[in-house]
N, C-alpha and C. Protein backbone atom coordinates (compact mmCIF):
# COMPACT_ATOMS: atom_id res chain seq x y z
N UNK A 1 1.95 1.91 -6.55
CA UNK A 1 2.02 0.70 -6.15
C UNK A 1 3.58 0.47 -7.71
N UNK A 2 4.13 1.25 -9.03
CA UNK A 2 5.21 1.38 -9.35
C UNK A 2 6.52 1.25 -8.38
N UNK A 3 5.99 1.85 -7.33
CA UNK A 3 7.32 2.02 -6.75
C UNK A 3 7.68 1.74 -5.71
N UNK A 4 6.13 0.92 -4.69
CA UNK A 4 6.49 0.64 -3.50
C UNK A 4 6.76 -1.21 -3.76
N UNK A 5 6.54 -1.56 -5.34
CA UNK A 5 6.80 -3.15 -5.57
C UNK A 5 8.02 -3.36 -5.86
N UNK A 6 9.21 -2.22 -6.00
CA UNK A 6 10.67 -3.17 -6.22
C UNK A 6 10.83 -2.55 -4.49
N UNK A 7 10.37 -1.35 -3.84
CA UNK A 7 10.58 -1.34 -2.70
C UNK A 7 10.54 -2.07 -1.24
N UNK A 8 9.36 -2.11 -1.77
CA UNK A 8 8.81 -3.90 -0.81
C UNK A 8 9.84 -5.15 -0.65
N UNK A 9 9.61 -5.39 -2.64
CA UNK A 9 11.43 -6.47 -2.84
C UNK A 9 12.24 -6.29 -1.96
N UNK A 10 12.81 -5.37 -2.37
CA UNK A 10 14.54 -4.71 -1.62
C UNK A 10 14.03 -5.54 -0.26
N UNK A 11 13.23 -4.46 0.72
CA UNK A 11 12.91 -4.41 1.83
C UNK A 11 12.58 -6.05 2.81
N UNK A 12 11.33 -6.81 1.58
CA UNK A 12 10.55 -7.53 2.18
C UNK A 12 11.37 -8.86 1.72
N UNK A 13 11.22 -9.16 0.81
CA UNK A 13 12.14 -10.08 -0.10
C UNK A 13 11.12 -10.23 -1.37
N UNK A 14 11.38 -10.72 -2.44
CA UNK A 14 10.90 -10.56 -3.83
C UNK A 14 9.88 -10.84 -3.90
N UNK A 15 8.70 -9.89 -4.91
CA UNK A 15 7.52 -10.18 -4.51
C UNK A 15 7.50 -11.51 -5.60
N UNK A 16 6.71 -12.53 -5.35
CA UNK A 16 6.41 -14.00 -5.95
C UNK A 16 5.70 -14.46 -6.66
N UNK A 17 4.83 -12.90 -7.43
CA UNK A 17 4.47 -13.43 -8.71
C UNK A 17 4.69 -13.04 -10.16
N UNK A 18 4.84 -12.96 -11.20
CA UNK A 18 4.94 -12.25 -12.37
C UNK A 18 4.43 -11.53 -12.75
N UNK A 19 2.69 -11.33 -12.36
CA UNK A 19 2.19 -10.10 -11.86
C UNK A 19 1.42 -8.78 -10.92
N UNK A 20 1.13 -8.38 -10.88
CA UNK A 20 0.45 -7.47 -9.56
C UNK A 20 -0.31 -6.82 -10.74
N UNK A 21 -1.63 -6.78 -10.03
CA UNK A 21 -2.98 -6.24 -9.97
C UNK A 21 -3.58 -4.61 -9.65
N UNK A 22 -3.56 -3.65 -10.02
CA UNK A 22 -4.33 -2.68 -9.09
C UNK A 22 -5.62 -2.38 -10.19
N UNK A 23 -6.54 -2.00 -9.31
CA UNK A 23 -8.06 -2.02 -9.68
C UNK A 23 -9.16 -1.20 -9.39
N UNK A 24 -9.08 -0.04 -9.92
CA UNK A 24 -10.05 0.89 -9.70
C UNK A 24 -11.99 -0.17 -9.96
N UNK A 25 -12.22 0.56 -8.55
CA UNK A 25 -13.15 -0.58 -8.08
C UNK A 25 -14.56 0.82 -7.73
N UNK A 26 -16.01 0.77 -8.17
CA UNK A 26 -17.13 1.29 -7.66
C UNK A 26 -17.93 0.98 -6.46
N UNK A 27 -16.26 0.71 -5.11
CA UNK A 27 -16.99 0.88 -3.73
C UNK A 27 -15.78 1.64 -3.25
N UNK A 28 -16.33 2.01 -1.65
CA UNK A 28 -15.77 3.31 -1.08
C UNK A 28 -14.72 3.01 -0.35
N UNK A 29 -13.39 2.48 -0.71
CA UNK A 29 -12.76 1.56 0.32
C UNK A 29 -11.80 0.72 -0.60
N UNK A 30 -10.79 0.22 0.32
CA UNK A 30 -9.61 -0.49 -1.03
C UNK A 30 -9.90 -1.41 -0.51
N UNK A 31 -8.98 -3.05 -0.77
CA UNK A 31 -9.37 -4.49 -0.56
C UNK A 31 -7.95 -5.36 -1.14
N UNK A 32 -7.27 -6.22 -0.62
CA UNK A 32 -6.35 -6.56 -1.23
C UNK A 32 -6.91 -7.68 -1.69
N UNK A 33 -5.65 -8.65 -1.79
CA UNK A 33 -5.88 -10.32 -2.48
C UNK A 33 -4.49 -10.92 -2.79
N UNK A 34 -4.01 -11.52 -2.90
CA UNK A 34 -2.89 -12.37 -3.35
C UNK A 34 -3.23 -11.71 -4.76
N UNK A 35 -1.65 -11.17 -4.71
CA UNK A 35 -1.37 -10.19 -5.92
C UNK A 35 -2.69 -9.19 -6.81
N UNK A 36 -3.00 -8.77 -6.50
CA UNK A 36 -4.18 -7.63 -6.60
C UNK A 36 -4.64 -6.46 -5.70
N UNK A 37 -5.37 -5.66 -5.80
CA UNK A 37 -5.44 -4.61 -5.20
C UNK A 37 -7.08 -3.64 -5.35
N UNK A 38 -7.57 -3.53 -4.69
CA UNK A 38 -9.28 -2.67 -5.23
C UNK A 38 -9.11 -1.86 -4.34
N UNK A 39 -9.23 -0.17 -5.19
CA UNK A 39 -9.00 0.86 -4.88
C UNK A 39 -10.08 1.81 -5.21
N UNK A 40 -10.56 2.68 -4.56
CA UNK A 40 -11.84 2.95 -4.55
C UNK A 40 -12.07 4.35 -6.27
N UNK A 41 -13.48 3.60 -6.89
CA UNK A 41 -12.67 5.81 -8.20
C UNK A 41 -12.52 6.83 -7.23
N UNK A 42 -13.40 7.18 -6.43
CA UNK A 42 -12.91 8.33 -5.77
C UNK A 42 -12.38 8.42 -5.24
N UNK A 43 -10.75 7.83 -4.60
CA UNK A 43 -9.38 8.13 -4.35
C UNK A 43 -8.94 8.81 -5.80
N UNK A 44 -9.37 8.41 -6.92
CA UNK A 44 -8.65 8.68 -8.23
C UNK A 44 -9.39 9.72 -8.00
N UNK A 45 -10.49 9.78 -8.82
CA UNK A 45 -11.36 11.48 -8.07
C UNK A 45 -10.77 12.09 -7.66
N UNK A 46 -10.04 11.73 -6.52
CA UNK A 46 -9.74 13.30 -5.46
C UNK A 46 -8.61 13.45 -5.59
N UNK A 47 -7.94 12.41 -6.48
CA UNK A 47 -6.01 12.70 -6.25
C UNK A 47 -5.66 14.19 -6.97
N UNK A 48 -4.33 14.73 -6.54
CA UNK A 48 -4.10 16.01 -6.92
C UNK A 48 -2.85 16.08 -7.58
N UNK A 49 -2.70 14.40 -8.11
CA UNK A 49 -1.18 14.31 -8.70
C UNK A 49 0.23 14.81 -7.94
N UNK A 50 -0.36 14.78 -6.55
CA UNK A 50 1.13 14.65 -5.65
C UNK A 50 1.15 13.51 -4.87
N UNK A 51 2.62 13.55 -4.91
CA UNK A 51 3.19 12.30 -3.71
C UNK A 51 2.60 12.26 -2.63
N UNK A 52 1.92 13.07 -2.22
CA UNK A 52 1.15 13.68 -0.22
C UNK A 52 -0.04 13.34 -0.64
N UNK A 53 -0.55 12.83 -1.59
CA UNK A 53 -1.56 12.73 -2.01
C UNK A 53 -2.24 11.21 -1.17
N UNK A 54 -3.68 10.73 -0.79
CA UNK A 54 -4.06 9.91 0.12
C UNK A 54 -3.72 9.03 -1.13
N UNK A 55 -4.06 9.06 -2.11
CA UNK A 55 -4.20 8.05 -2.83
C UNK A 55 -2.69 7.19 -3.20
N UNK A 56 -1.92 8.14 -2.91
CA UNK A 56 -0.26 7.10 -3.00
C UNK A 56 -0.18 6.44 -1.94
N UNK A 57 -0.50 7.19 -0.38
CA UNK A 57 -0.56 6.37 0.65
C UNK A 57 -1.36 4.74 0.70
N UNK A 58 -2.33 5.46 0.40
CA UNK A 58 -3.51 3.97 0.20
C UNK A 58 -2.66 3.15 -0.80
N UNK A 59 -1.92 3.57 -2.04
CA UNK A 59 -1.39 2.22 -3.13
C UNK A 59 -0.44 1.36 -2.27
N UNK A 60 0.57 2.63 -1.61
CA UNK A 60 1.71 1.84 -0.66
C UNK A 60 0.90 1.50 0.28
N UNK A 61 -0.10 1.42 0.73
CA UNK A 61 -0.55 0.67 1.81
C UNK A 61 -1.07 -0.74 0.74
N UNK A 62 -1.54 -0.76 -0.02
CA UNK A 62 -2.44 -1.76 0.25
C UNK A 62 -1.45 -3.23 -0.53
N UNK A 63 -0.12 -1.90 -1.54
CA UNK A 63 1.09 -2.91 -2.41
C UNK A 63 1.47 -4.29 -1.17
N UNK A 64 1.62 -3.22 0.18
CA UNK A 64 2.69 -3.67 1.29
C UNK A 64 1.71 -5.44 1.69
N UNK A 65 0.57 -5.49 1.23
CA UNK A 65 -0.46 -6.41 2.29
C UNK A 65 -0.04 -7.73 0.71
N UNK A 66 1.10 -7.60 -0.27
CA UNK A 66 1.40 -8.90 -1.13
C UNK A 66 2.77 -9.64 0.05
N UNK A 67 3.12 -8.45 0.84
CA UNK A 67 3.77 -9.35 1.65
C UNK A 67 3.26 -9.88 3.09
N UNK A 68 2.19 -8.80 3.73
CA UNK A 68 1.78 -9.17 4.97
C UNK A 68 0.49 -9.36 4.45
N UNK A 69 -0.65 -9.61 4.10
CA UNK A 69 -0.84 -11.16 4.85
C UNK A 69 -0.84 -12.26 3.77
N UNK A 70 -0.96 -11.90 2.58
CA UNK A 70 -0.30 -12.91 2.04
C UNK A 70 0.90 -13.48 1.56
N UNK A 71 2.19 -12.77 1.63
CA UNK A 71 3.19 -13.84 2.54
C UNK A 71 3.28 -14.66 3.72
N UNK A 72 3.07 -13.75 5.05
CA UNK A 72 3.00 -14.10 5.88
C UNK A 72 2.44 -14.99 6.14
N UNK A 73 1.26 -14.99 6.18
CA UNK A 73 -0.29 -15.96 5.68
C UNK A 73 -1.71 -15.91 7.75
N UNK A 74 -1.06 -14.48 7.77
CA UNK A 74 -1.78 -14.55 9.60
C UNK A 74 -3.40 -14.40 8.67
N UNK A 75 -4.42 -14.98 9.49
CA UNK A 75 -5.31 -14.41 9.62
C UNK A 75 -6.16 -13.34 9.54
N UNK A 76 -6.86 -12.55 8.55
CA UNK A 76 -7.24 -11.13 8.41
C UNK A 76 -8.38 -11.34 8.97
N UNK A 77 -9.03 -11.87 9.37
CA UNK A 77 -10.37 -12.04 9.97
C UNK A 77 -10.54 -12.21 11.37
N UNK A 78 -9.78 -12.63 11.90
CA UNK A 78 -9.63 -12.85 13.63
C UNK A 78 -8.54 -12.40 13.18
N UNK A 79 -7.44 -12.19 13.28
CA UNK A 79 -6.32 -11.03 13.35
C UNK A 79 -5.28 -9.90 12.11
N UNK A 80 -7.21 -9.05 12.43
CA UNK A 80 -6.47 -8.47 11.16
C UNK A 80 -5.32 -6.77 11.32
N UNK A 81 -5.16 -6.59 13.54
CA UNK A 81 -4.51 -6.05 13.74
C UNK A 81 -2.60 -6.52 13.02
N UNK A 82 -2.28 -7.52 12.56
CA UNK A 82 -1.24 -7.83 12.37
C UNK A 82 -1.02 -7.62 10.58
N UNK A 83 -1.60 -8.06 9.86
CA UNK A 83 -1.04 -7.27 8.69
C UNK A 83 -1.55 -5.50 8.44
N UNK A 84 -2.49 -4.76 8.99
CA UNK A 84 -2.55 -3.49 9.35
C UNK A 84 -1.81 -2.78 9.38
N UNK A 85 -1.00 -3.26 10.53
CA UNK A 85 -0.62 -2.46 10.92
C UNK A 85 1.29 -2.48 10.82
N UNK A 86 1.96 -4.40 9.90
CA UNK A 86 2.86 -3.48 9.37
C UNK A 86 2.52 -3.18 8.26
N UNK A 87 1.34 -2.99 7.41
CA UNK A 87 1.06 -2.27 5.89
C UNK A 87 1.51 -0.71 6.48
N UNK A 88 0.74 -0.37 7.11
CA UNK A 88 0.68 0.84 7.84
C UNK A 88 2.25 1.37 7.88
N UNK A 89 2.91 0.55 8.74
CA UNK A 89 4.29 0.92 8.67
C UNK A 89 4.86 0.78 7.73
N UNK A 90 4.64 0.22 6.61
CA UNK A 90 4.90 0.46 5.40
C UNK A 90 5.17 0.93 4.50
N UNK A 91 3.60 2.22 4.88
CA UNK A 91 3.35 3.21 4.42
C UNK A 91 4.68 4.31 4.81
N UNK A 92 4.80 4.39 5.91
CA UNK A 92 6.15 5.32 6.36
C UNK A 92 7.95 5.06 5.71
N UNK A 93 7.67 3.73 5.68
CA UNK A 93 8.87 3.41 4.78
C UNK A 93 8.52 3.50 3.38
N UNK A 94 8.12 3.55 2.53
CA UNK A 94 7.94 4.25 1.63
C UNK A 94 8.25 5.36 1.16
N UNK A 95 7.36 6.65 2.49
CA UNK A 95 7.75 7.95 2.26
C UNK A 95 9.26 8.24 2.68
N UNK A 96 9.58 7.24 3.65
CA UNK A 96 10.78 7.46 4.45
C UNK A 96 12.17 7.29 3.17
N UNK A 97 11.92 6.20 2.30
CA UNK A 97 12.84 5.66 1.14
C UNK A 97 12.42 6.73 -0.44
N UNK A 98 11.28 6.99 -0.35
CA UNK A 98 10.93 7.70 -1.92
C UNK A 98 10.77 9.16 -1.96
N UNK A 99 9.96 9.45 -0.46
CA UNK A 99 9.53 10.97 -0.42
C UNK A 99 9.61 12.00 0.80
N UNK A 100 10.77 11.50 0.96
CA UNK A 100 10.82 12.03 3.06
C UNK A 100 10.49 13.21 2.79
N UNK A 101 10.76 14.55 1.87
CA UNK A 101 9.97 15.64 2.50
C UNK A 101 8.52 15.98 2.65
N UNK A 102 7.79 15.11 2.37
CA UNK A 102 6.61 14.33 2.18
C UNK A 102 6.07 14.34 4.05
N UNK A 103 7.26 13.50 4.55
CA UNK A 103 6.81 13.10 5.90
C UNK A 103 7.10 14.66 6.58
N UNK A 104 8.58 15.29 6.46
CA UNK A 104 8.80 16.71 6.60
C UNK A 104 7.38 17.57 6.97
N UNK A 105 5.87 17.77 6.01
CA UNK A 105 5.64 18.99 6.01
C UNK A 105 3.93 18.29 6.55
N UNK A 106 4.44 16.44 7.10
CA UNK A 106 3.47 15.91 7.97
C UNK A 106 1.95 15.53 6.60
N UNK A 107 2.42 15.15 5.96
CA UNK A 107 1.78 14.82 4.72
C UNK A 107 0.91 13.70 5.15
N UNK A 108 0.69 12.25 3.93
CA UNK A 108 -0.40 11.83 4.73
C UNK A 108 -0.21 10.46 5.97
N UNK A 109 1.00 10.38 5.96
CA UNK A 109 1.00 9.00 7.18
C UNK A 109 1.86 10.30 8.56
N UNK A 110 1.93 11.35 8.25
CA UNK A 110 3.08 11.86 9.06
C UNK A 110 2.32 13.02 10.14
């Protein structure tokens, strides 16, 4: 989140809130809200301190939701493919800009 937020602010426009919170949660999934996301405790437990780790890709993805759907405002229930597709693409941009070597090795999104 710490590196994705400034990158996405540069790419998509300023983050509109004074604070952004990531919460470690007791369910096996991730979920985003405006100014907040949850990621499963299991993802943290499985983290191997590598930028190619699934936790990093998920954090980049959930951070992108601050723009897609939060600012764009699509209907997440009826048209989830709109924000999910853009957030998955944002994962690639995250790695291209910050850790291109992870993509070259077929990392989490490659």
